[in-house]
C-alpha cells in the first residue's frame, strides 16, 4: 500500500497529525515526498505504525510518545 498521510492514518487508526508527529519523532522512517511536497507512505510505514500501536497497547505509553511535549498524540 502506498498512500497519503490521510490514507495511512485511516488504515492505522491514527490521526493525520499523529502520523506526522510519529514520523518527526523517528518512530517511523521519513516518508519520501512527491514532486509537489506531499508525503508518500509505503506498506512499511503502515506495518511500523501498527506495530507501534500494538506495543503501546501492550506495555503502556512508549517513551517516544512522551518525549514531545508539543506533539498532539
C-alpha atoms as a PDB file:
ATOM      1  CA  UNK A   1       0.000   0.000   0.000  1.00  0.00           C
ATOM      2  CA  UNK A   2       1.248   3.452  -0.853  1.00  0.00           C
ATOM      3  CA  UNK A   3      -0.692   6.422   0.265  1.00  0.00           C
ATOM      4  CA  UNK A   4      -1.008   9.908   1.597  1.00  0.00           C
ATOM      5  CA  UNK A   5      -0.914  10.896   5.241  1.00  0.00           C
ATOM      6  CA  UNK A   6      -4.719  10.742   5.422  1.00  0.00           C
ATOM      7  CA  UNK A   7      -4.839   7.283   3.829  1.00  0.00           C
ATOM      8  CA  UNK A   8      -2.199   5.877   6.180  1.00  0.00           C
ATOM      9  CA  UNK A   9      -3.946   7.481   9.147  1.00  0.00           C
ATOM     10  CA  UNK A  10      -7.233   5.837   8.175  1.00  0.00           C
ATOM     11  CA  UNK A  11      -5.527   2.460   7.717  1.00  0.00           C
ATOM     12  CA  UNK A  12      -3.784   2.568  11.109  1.00  0.00           C
ATOM     13  CA  UNK A  13      -6.252   4.341  13.390  1.00  0.00           C
ATOM     14  CA  UNK A  14      -4.042   7.384  13.966  1.00  0.00           C
ATOM     15  CA  UNK A  15      -4.978  10.928  13.027  1.00  0.00           C
ATOM     16  CA  UNK A  16      -3.026  12.553  10.190  1.00  0.00           C
ATOM     17  CA  UNK A  17      -1.300  14.821  12.717  1.00  0.00           C
ATOM     18  CA  UNK A  18      -0.286  11.811  14.820  1.00  0.00           C
ATOM     19  CA  UNK A  19       1.257  10.173  11.740  1.00  0.00           C
ATOM     20  CA  UNK A  20       3.265  13.339  11.052  1.00  0.00           C
ATOM     21  CA  UNK A  21       4.317  13.587  14.718  1.00  0.00           C
ATOM     22  CA  UNK A  22       5.425   9.943  14.858  1.00  0.00           C
ATOM     23  CA  UNK A  23       7.470  10.488  11.705  1.00  0.00           C
ATOM     24  CA  UNK A  24       9.069  13.603  13.260  1.00  0.00           C
ATOM     25  CA  UNK A  25       9.893  11.622  16.429  1.00  0.00           C
ATOM     26  CA  UNK A  26      11.588   8.896  14.396  1.00  0.00           C
ATOM     27  CA  UNK A  27       9.069   6.185  15.267  1.00  0.00           C
ATOM     28  CA  UNK A  28       8.678   5.577  11.530  1.00  0.00           C
ATOM     29  CA  UNK A  29      11.254   6.381   8.854  1.00  0.00           C
ATOM     30  CA  UNK A  30      10.865   9.632   6.921  1.00  0.00           C
ATOM     31  CA  UNK A  31       8.426   9.273   4.055  1.00  0.00           C
ATOM     32  CA  UNK A  32       9.647  10.249   0.606  1.00  0.00           C
ATOM     33  CA  UNK A  33       7.959  13.291  -0.880  1.00  0.00           C
ATOM     34  CA  UNK A  34       6.158  13.687  -4.164  1.00  0.00           C
ATOM     35  CA  UNK A  35       7.370  16.439  -6.525  1.00  0.00           C
ATOM     36  CA  UNK A  36       4.681  18.688  -5.024  1.00  0.00           C
ATOM     37  CA  UNK A  37       5.950  18.017  -1.473  1.00  0.00           C
ATOM     38  CA  UNK A  38       3.332  15.584  -0.178  1.00  0.00           C
ATOM     39  CA  UNK A  39       4.438  12.611   1.908  1.00  0.00           C
ATOM     40  CA  UNK A  40       4.121   9.250   0.159  1.00  0.00           C
ATOM     41  CA  UNK A  41       3.939   6.470   2.727  1.00  0.00           C
ATOM     42  CA  UNK A  42       4.509   2.786   1.952  1.00  0.00           C
ATOM     43  CA  UNK A  43       3.373  -0.545   3.343  1.00  0.00           C
ATOM     44  CA  UNK A  44       6.438  -0.463   5.613  1.00  0.00           C
ATOM     45  CA  UNK A  45       5.130   2.695   7.274  1.00  0.00           C
ATOM     46  CA  UNK A  46       1.712   1.119   7.797  1.00  0.00           C
ATOM     47  CA  UNK A  47       3.328  -2.002   9.269  1.00  0.00           C
ATOM     48  CA  UNK A  48       5.531   0.037  11.592  1.00  0.00           C
ATOM     49  CA  UNK A  49       2.647   2.204  12.792  1.00  0.00           C
ATOM     50  CA  UNK A  50       0.531  -0.877  13.505  1.00  0.00           C
ATOM     51  CA  UNK A  51       3.419  -2.465  15.419  1.00  0.00           C
ATOM     52  CA  UNK A  52       3.938   0.746  17.387  1.00  0.00           C
ATOM     53  CA  UNK A  53       0.235   0.876  18.281  1.00  0.00           C
ATOM     54  CA  UNK A  54       0.323  -2.778  19.402  1.00  0.00           C
ATOM     55  CA  UNK A  55       3.406  -2.109  21.524  1.00  0.00           C
ATOM     56  CA  UNK A  56       1.853   0.954  23.142  1.00  0.00           C
ATOM     57  CA  UNK A  57      -1.306  -1.013  23.942  1.00  0.00           C
ATOM     58  CA  UNK A  58       0.699  -3.909  25.391  1.00  0.00           C
ATOM     59  CA  UNK A  59       3.155  -2.004  27.580  1.00  0.00           C
ATOM     60  CA  UNK A  60       1.567   1.392  28.092  1.00  0.00           C
ATOM     61  CA  UNK A  61       2.871   4.745  26.971  1.00  0.00           C
ATOM     62  CA  UNK A  62       6.070   4.435  24.995  1.00  0.00           C
ATOM     63  CA  UNK A  63       8.906   6.870  25.730  1.00  0.00           C
ATOM     64  CA  UNK A  64       8.864   8.411  22.251  1.00  0.00           C
ATOM     65  CA  UNK A  65       5.238   9.375  22.751  1.00  0.00           C
ATOM     66  CA  UNK A  66       6.019  11.281  25.945  1.00  0.00           C
ATOM     67  CA  UNK A  67       9.196  12.935  24.714  1.00  0.00           C
ATOM     68  CA  UNK A  68       7.489  15.539  22.534  1.00  0.00           C
ATOM     69  CA  UNK A  69       5.616  17.939  24.814  1.00  0.00           C
ATOM     70  CA  UNK A  70       4.135  19.865  21.886  1.00  0.00           C
ATOM     71  CA  UNK A  71       3.001  16.841  19.858  1.00  0.00           C
ATOM     72  CA  UNK A  72      -0.695  16.046  19.968  1.00  0.00           C
ATOM     73  CA  UNK A  73      -0.650  12.257  20.190  1.00  0.00           C
END
